[in-house]
Amino acid sequence: MLPLLILLAAALLIGACSDDSSTDKESASTSSTALDAGSNTVTTTAPGPPPGSILEGFKELEVGDCFEELTEPTAEDRAVWLLDCGQPHSYEVFLLTDYQGPGAGRGTSYPGTSAVQDFSEQVCFDQFEAFVGLRWTLSDLDIRAWWPTQESWERADRQVICTVVLQSGEPLTQTQRGSAR
């Protein structure tokens, strides 16, 4: 086992130190390394877009869109990997609405995280059954909501995005619209 770990560490160091400037962005993000040491095979895959996905602006999502979050922290609240709902995915949009709680409106100051979060979560819970066909309390699905932050509020962002996810954390493989799940 120790020789396998040494071989893996050496391969990773060699790969990290190599400079292949001819590698384009797409192939670099989908690269993988496989080492075969006798009967033991170790495979590592660099993170990248899910196969068949399209980079979509977070604010361009529509009800029924299925997606994965970006793993780059600087872009995670601005874009997602849009997927066909028949592909494995984590999130499906079931409601898009503007914030209508206390302090709503253009030109107003941010009403605070608690007010925006409370409104967003409540509107998502209220509309869950209309999309899924089953009350949230009886479902094996959960809700994940995104709402305006103080920073995005200053850029006139008022959008609340409600999505369904599996409570287990496993990927969804089809639309949840009318699934009664």
C-alpha atoms as a PDB file:
ATOM      1  CA  MET A   1       0.000   0.000   0.000  1.00  0.00           C
ATOM      2  CA  LEU A   2       2.850   2.396   0.851  1.00  0.00           C
ATOM      3  CA  PRO A   3       4.469   1.997  -2.625  1.00  0.00           C
ATOM      4  CA  LEU A   4       1.103   2.879  -4.212  1.00  0.00           C
ATOM      5  CA  LEU A   5       0.843   6.067  -2.123  1.00  0.00           C
ATOM      6  CA  ILE A   6       4.427   7.049  -3.023  1.00  0.00           C
ATOM      7  CA  LEU A   7       3.698   6.425  -6.721  1.00  0.00           C
ATOM      8  CA  LEU A   8       0.521   8.509  -6.506  1.00  0.00           C
ATOM      9  CA  ALA A   9       2.305  11.391  -4.746  1.00  0.00           C
ATOM     10  CA  ALA A  10       5.115  11.364  -7.334  1.00  0.00           C
ATOM     11  CA  ALA A  11       2.645  11.398 -10.224  1.00  0.00           C
ATOM     12  CA  LEU A  12       0.735  14.301  -8.689  1.00  0.00           C
ATOM     13  CA  LEU A  13       3.955  16.278  -8.172  1.00  0.00           C
ATOM     14  CA  ILE A  14       5.074  15.651 -11.751  1.00  0.00           C
ATOM     15  CA  GLY A  15       1.649  16.669 -13.069  1.00  0.00           C
ATOM     16  CA  ALA A  16       1.590  19.804 -10.908  1.00  0.00           C
ATOM     17  CA  CYS A  17       5.049  20.852 -12.060  1.00  0.00           C
ATOM     18  CA  SER A  18       4.522  20.256 -15.783  1.00  0.00           C
ATOM     19  CA  ASP A  19       3.796  23.261 -17.983  1.00  0.00           C
ATOM     20  CA  ASP A  20       1.760  22.283 -21.001  1.00  0.00           C
ATOM     21  CA  SER A  21       0.805  25.659 -22.425  1.00  0.00           C
ATOM     22  CA  SER A  22      -0.902  23.977 -25.365  1.00  0.00           C
ATOM     23  CA  THR A  23      -3.667  22.634 -23.092  1.00  0.00           C
ATOM     24  CA  ASP A  24      -6.869  24.586 -23.667  1.00  0.00           C
ATOM     25  CA  LYS A  25      -9.283  25.614 -20.922  1.00  0.00           C
ATOM     26  CA  GLU A  26     -11.844  22.873 -21.658  1.00  0.00           C
ATOM     27  CA  SER A  27      -9.406  19.961 -21.620  1.00  0.00           C
ATOM     28  CA  ALA A  28      -7.703  21.318 -18.496  1.00  0.00           C
ATOM     29  CA  SER A  29     -10.982  21.387 -16.591  1.00  0.00           C
ATOM     30  CA  THR A  30     -11.824  17.813 -17.493  1.00  0.00           C
ATOM     31  CA  SER A  31      -8.411  16.240 -17.029  1.00  0.00           C
ATOM     32  CA  SER A  32      -7.949  13.085 -15.066  1.00  0.00           C
ATOM     33  CA  THR A  33      -5.090  10.945 -13.862  1.00  0.00           C
ATOM     34  CA  ALA A  34      -5.136   7.172 -13.545  1.00  0.00           C
ATOM     35  CA  LEU A  35      -2.337   5.135 -12.016  1.00  0.00           C
ATOM     36  CA  ASP A  36      -2.229   1.382 -12.332  1.00  0.00           C
ATOM     37  CA  ALA A  37      -0.124  -0.299  -9.655  1.00  0.00           C
ATOM     38  CA  GLY A  38      -0.753  -3.985 -10.078  1.00  0.00           C
ATOM     39  CA  SER A  39      -4.376  -4.709  -9.277  1.00  0.00           C
ATOM     40  CA  ASN A  40      -4.951  -1.324  -7.554  1.00  0.00           C
ATOM     41  CA  THR A  41      -6.065   1.606  -9.709  1.00  0.00           C
ATOM     42  CA  VAL A  42      -6.330   5.155  -8.368  1.00  0.00           C
ATOM     43  CA  THR A  43      -8.202   7.727 -10.432  1.00  0.00           C
ATOM     44  CA  THR A  44      -8.514  11.432  -9.760  1.00  0.00           C
ATOM     45  CA  THR A  45     -10.615  13.873 -11.755  1.00  0.00           C
ATOM     46  CA  ALA A  46     -10.253  17.638 -11.773  1.00  0.00           C
ATOM     47  CA  PRO A  47     -13.469  19.543 -11.073  1.00  0.00           C
ATOM     48  CA  GLY A  48     -15.175  21.062 -14.065  1.00  0.00           C
ATOM     49  CA  PRO A  49     -18.542  21.478 -15.689  1.00  0.00           C
ATOM     50  CA  PRO A  50     -20.914  18.513 -15.625  1.00  0.00           C
ATOM     51  CA  PRO A  51     -21.092  16.768 -19.014  1.00  0.00           C
ATOM     52  CA  GLY A  52     -23.690  18.392 -21.261  1.00  0.00           C
ATOM     53  CA  SER A  53     -24.045  21.499 -19.107  1.00  0.00           C
ATOM     54  CA  ILE A  54     -24.243  25.121 -20.211  1.00  0.00           C
ATOM     55  CA  LEU A  55     -22.970  28.056 -18.179  1.00  0.00           C
ATOM     56  CA  GLU A  56     -26.023  30.199 -17.374  1.00  0.00           C
ATOM     57  CA  GLY A  57     -26.317  33.467 -15.498  1.00  0.00           C
ATOM     58  CA  PHE A  58     -27.994  32.940 -12.132  1.00  0.00           C
ATOM     59  CA  LYS A  59     -30.481  35.716 -12.898  1.00  0.00           C
ATOM     60  CA  GLU A  60     -31.361  34.109 -16.258  1.00  0.00           C
ATOM     61  CA  LEU A  61     -32.857  30.977 -14.685  1.00  0.00           C
ATOM     62  CA  GLU A  62     -36.483  30.089 -15.398  1.00  0.00           C
ATOM     63  CA  VAL A  63     -39.003  27.894 -13.591  1.00  0.00           C
ATOM     64  CA  GLY A  64     -38.291  24.271 -14.499  1.00  0.00           C
ATOM     65  CA  ASP A  65     -34.539  24.797 -15.062  1.00  0.00           C
ATOM     66  CA  CYS A  66     -32.281  22.168 -13.511  1.00  0.00           C
ATOM     67  CA  PHE A  67     -28.740  23.024 -12.500  1.00  0.00           C
ATOM     68  CA  GLU A  68     -25.575  22.490 -10.493  1.00  0.00           C
ATOM     69  CA  GLU A  69     -23.798  25.233  -8.568  1.00  0.00           C
ATOM     70  CA  LEU A  70     -20.386  26.465  -9.669  1.00  0.00           C
ATOM     71  CA  THR A  71     -17.523  25.498  -7.405  1.00  0.00           C
ATOM     72  CA  GLU A  72     -15.597  28.750  -7.951  1.00  0.00           C
ATOM     73  CA  PRO A  73     -16.371  30.922  -4.879  1.00  0.00           C
ATOM     74  CA  THR A  74     -16.087  34.201  -6.819  1.00  0.00           C
ATOM     75  CA  ALA A  75     -18.785  33.150  -9.301  1.00  0.00           C
ATOM     76  CA  GLU A  76     -21.080  30.890  -7.264  1.00  0.00           C
ATOM     77  CA  ASP A  77     -23.776  33.568  -6.787  1.00  0.00           C
ATOM     78  CA  ARG A  78     -23.608  34.762 -10.395  1.00  0.00           C
ATOM     79  CA  ALA A  79     -23.817  31.645 -12.611  1.00  0.00           C
ATOM     80  CA  VAL A  80     -24.727  27.957 -12.581  1.00  0.00           C
ATOM     81  CA  TRP A  81     -24.253  24.884 -14.764  1.00  0.00           C
ATOM     82  CA  LEU A  82     -27.625  24.466 -16.513  1.00  0.00           C
ATOM     83  CA  LEU A  83     -28.538  20.842 -17.293  1.00  0.00           C
ATOM     84  CA  ASP A  84     -31.333  18.932 -18.934  1.00  0.00           C
ATOM     85  CA  CYS A  85     -33.557  17.673 -16.098  1.00  0.00           C
ATOM     86  CA  GLY A  86     -33.021  14.102 -17.347  1.00  0.00           C
ATOM     87  CA  GLN A  87     -29.333  14.446 -16.395  1.00  0.00           C
ATOM     88  CA  PRO A  88     -28.242  14.100 -12.751  1.00  0.00           C
ATOM     89  CA  HIS A  89     -28.587  17.504 -11.083  1.00  0.00           C
ATOM     90  CA  SER A  90     -28.935  18.952  -7.591  1.00  0.00           C
ATOM     91  CA  TYR A  91     -31.461  21.765  -8.055  1.00  0.00           C
ATOM     92  CA  GLU A  92     -34.660  22.467  -9.979  1.00  0.00           C
ATOM     93  CA  VAL A  93     -36.180  25.957  -9.990  1.00  0.00           C
ATOM     94  CA  PHE A  94     -39.843  25.934  -8.961  1.00  0.00           C
ATOM     95  CA  LEU A  95     -40.470  29.621  -8.284  1.00  0.00           C
ATOM     96  CA  LEU A  96     -39.012  32.982  -9.260  1.00  0.00           C
ATOM     97  CA  THR A  97     -40.455  36.044  -7.580  1.00  0.00           C
ATOM     98  CA  ASP A  98     -39.382  39.486  -6.447  1.00  0.00           C
ATOM     99  CA  TYR A  99     -38.982  40.310  -2.781  1.00  0.00           C
ATOM    100  CA  GLN A 100     -42.276  41.835  -1.561  1.00  0.00           C
ATOM    101  CA  GLY A 101     -41.657  41.924   2.164  1.00  0.00           C
ATOM    102  CA  PRO A 102     -41.051  44.884   4.484  1.00  0.00           C
ATOM    103  CA  GLY A 103     -38.952  47.577   2.804  1.00  0.00           C
ATOM    104  CA  ALA A 104     -39.538  46.262  -0.729  1.00  0.00           C
ATOM    105  CA  GLY A 105     -39.149  48.473  -3.758  1.00  0.00           C
ATOM    106  CA  ARG A 106     -36.569  50.151  -5.930  1.00  0.00           C
ATOM    107  CA  GLY A 107     -34.538  52.866  -4.319  1.00  0.00           C
ATOM    108  CA  THR A 108     -35.097  51.510  -0.811  1.00  0.00           C
ATOM    109  CA  SER A 109     -32.316  50.532   1.541  1.00  0.00           C
ATOM    110  CA  TYR A 110     -31.709  46.863   2.285  1.00  0.00           C
ATOM    111  CA  PRO A 111     -34.333  45.672   4.806  1.00  0.00           C
ATOM    112  CA  GLY A 112     -31.870  43.295   6.467  1.00  0.00           C
ATOM    113  CA  THR A 113     -30.948  39.654   6.036  1.00  0.00           C
ATOM    114  CA  SER A 114     -33.582  38.405   8.488  1.00  0.00           C
ATOM    115  CA  ALA A 115     -36.472  40.168   6.734  1.00  0.00           C
ATOM    116  CA  VAL A 116     -35.368  39.080   3.257  1.00  0.00           C
ATOM    117  CA  GLN A 117     -34.633  35.513   4.368  1.00  0.00           C
ATOM    118  CA  ASP A 118     -37.956  35.169   6.229  1.00  0.00           C
ATOM    119  CA  PHE A 119     -39.957  36.414   3.232  1.00  0.00           C
ATOM    120  CA  SER A 120     -38.009  34.206   0.800  1.00  0.00           C
ATOM    121  CA  GLU A 121     -38.340  31.021   2.824  1.00  0.00           C
ATOM    122  CA  GLN A 122     -42.054  31.608   3.455  1.00  0.00           C
ATOM    123  CA  VAL A 123     -42.895  32.230  -0.211  1.00  0.00           C
ATOM    124  CA  CYS A 124     -40.930  29.098  -1.193  1.00  0.00           C
ATOM    125  CA  PHE A 125     -42.750  26.960   1.382  1.00  0.00           C
ATOM    126  CA  ASP A 126     -46.107  28.414   0.283  1.00  0.00           C
ATOM    127  CA  GLN A 127     -45.517  27.519  -3.395  1.00  0.00           C
ATOM    128  CA  PHE A 128     -43.803  24.129  -2.988  1.00  0.00           C
ATOM    129  CA  GLU A 129     -47.005  22.053  -3.126  1.00  0.00           C
ATOM    130  CA  ALA A 130     -48.264  23.805  -6.263  1.00  0.00           C
ATOM    131  CA  PHE A 131     -45.117  22.682  -8.127  1.00  0.00           C
ATOM    132  CA  VAL A 132     -44.448  19.241  -6.625  1.00  0.00           C
ATOM    133  CA  GLY A 133     -48.019  18.162  -5.907  1.00  0.00           C
ATOM    134  CA  LEU A 134     -47.392  17.238  -2.269  1.00  0.00           C
ATOM    135  CA  ARG A 135     -47.013  19.251   0.929  1.00  0.00           C
ATOM    136  CA  TRP A 136     -43.406  19.972   1.830  1.00  0.00           C
ATOM    137  CA  THR A 137     -43.813  18.313   5.248  1.00  0.00           C
ATOM    138  CA  LEU A 138     -44.726  14.994   3.566  1.00  0.00           C
ATOM    139  CA  SER A 139     -42.086  15.126   0.830  1.00  0.00           C
ATOM    140  CA  ASP A 140     -38.614  13.601   0.570  1.00  0.00           C
ATOM    141  CA  LEU A 141     -37.658  16.803  -1.245  1.00  0.00           C
ATOM    142  CA  ASP A 142     -36.347  19.876   0.479  1.00  0.00           C
ATOM    143  CA  ILE A 143     -36.215  23.548  -0.441  1.00  0.00           C
ATOM    144  CA  ARG A 144     -33.163  25.696  -1.102  1.00  0.00           C
ATOM    145  CA  ALA A 145     -33.765  29.398  -1.630  1.00  0.00           C
ATOM    146  CA  TRP A 146     -31.569  32.235  -2.826  1.00  0.00           C
ATOM    147  CA  TRP A 147     -32.435  35.856  -2.025  1.00  0.00           C
ATOM    148  CA  PRO A 148     -30.874  39.298  -2.438  1.00  0.00           C
ATOM    149  CA  THR A 149     -27.888  40.189  -0.294  1.00  0.00           C
ATOM    150  CA  GLN A 150     -27.095  43.712   0.790  1.00  0.00           C
ATOM    151  CA  GLU A 151     -24.486  43.905  -1.982  1.00  0.00           C
ATOM    152  CA  SER A 152     -26.829  42.635  -4.714  1.00  0.00           C
ATOM    153  CA  TRP A 153     -29.674  44.843  -3.399  1.00  0.00           C
ATOM    154  CA  GLU A 154     -27.523  47.867  -4.220  1.00  0.00           C
ATOM    155  CA  ARG A 155     -27.456  46.602  -7.841  1.00  0.00           C
ATOM    156  CA  ALA A 156     -31.301  46.550  -7.893  1.00  0.00           C
ATOM    157  CA  ASP A 157     -31.529  42.778  -7.274  1.00  0.00           C
ATOM    158  CA  ARG A 158     -34.864  41.818  -5.726  1.00  0.00           C
ATOM    159  CA  GLN A 159     -35.182  38.270  -7.083  1.00  0.00           C
ATOM    160  CA  VAL A 160     -35.967  35.255  -4.904  1.00  0.00           C
ATOM    161  CA  ILE A 161     -35.156  31.850  -6.424  1.00  0.00           C
ATOM    162  CA  CYS A 162     -36.812  28.751  -4.944  1.00  0.00           C
ATOM    163  CA  THR A 163     -35.490  25.290  -5.805  1.00  0.00           C
ATOM    164  CA  VAL A 164     -36.205  21.691  -4.849  1.00  0.00           C
ATOM    165  CA  VAL A 165     -33.426  19.295  -3.810  1.00  0.00           C
ATOM    166  CA  LEU A 166     -33.438  15.773  -2.416  1.00  0.00           C
ATOM    167  CA  GLN A 167     -33.162  15.692   1.384  1.00  0.00           C
ATOM    168  CA  SER A 168     -30.684  12.824   1.051  1.00  0.00           C
ATOM    169  CA  GLY A 169     -28.306  14.978  -0.983  1.00  0.00           C
ATOM    170  CA  GLU A 170     -28.438  12.511  -3.868  1.00  0.00           C
ATOM    171  CA  PRO A 171     -28.844  13.962  -7.362  1.00  0.00           C
ATOM    172  CA  LEU A 172     -32.245  14.303  -8.987  1.00  0.00           C
ATOM    173  CA  THR A 173     -32.610  12.604 -12.382  1.00  0.00           C
ATOM    174  CA  GLN A 174     -35.882  14.032 -13.667  1.00  0.00           C
ATOM    175  CA  THR A 175     -38.157  17.005 -13.201  1.00  0.00           C
ATOM    176  CA  GLN A 176     -39.987  17.210  -9.906  1.00  0.00           C
ATOM    177  CA  ARG A 177     -42.916  19.156 -11.372  1.00  0.00           C
ATOM    178  CA  GLY A 178     -46.032  17.167 -10.398  1.00  0.00           C
ATOM    179  CA  SER A 179     -43.951  14.282  -9.009  1.00  0.00           C
ATOM    180  CA  ALA A 180     -45.923  14.129  -5.704  1.00  0.00           C
ATOM    181  CA  ARG A 181     -42.655  13.039  -4.194  1.00  0.00           C
END
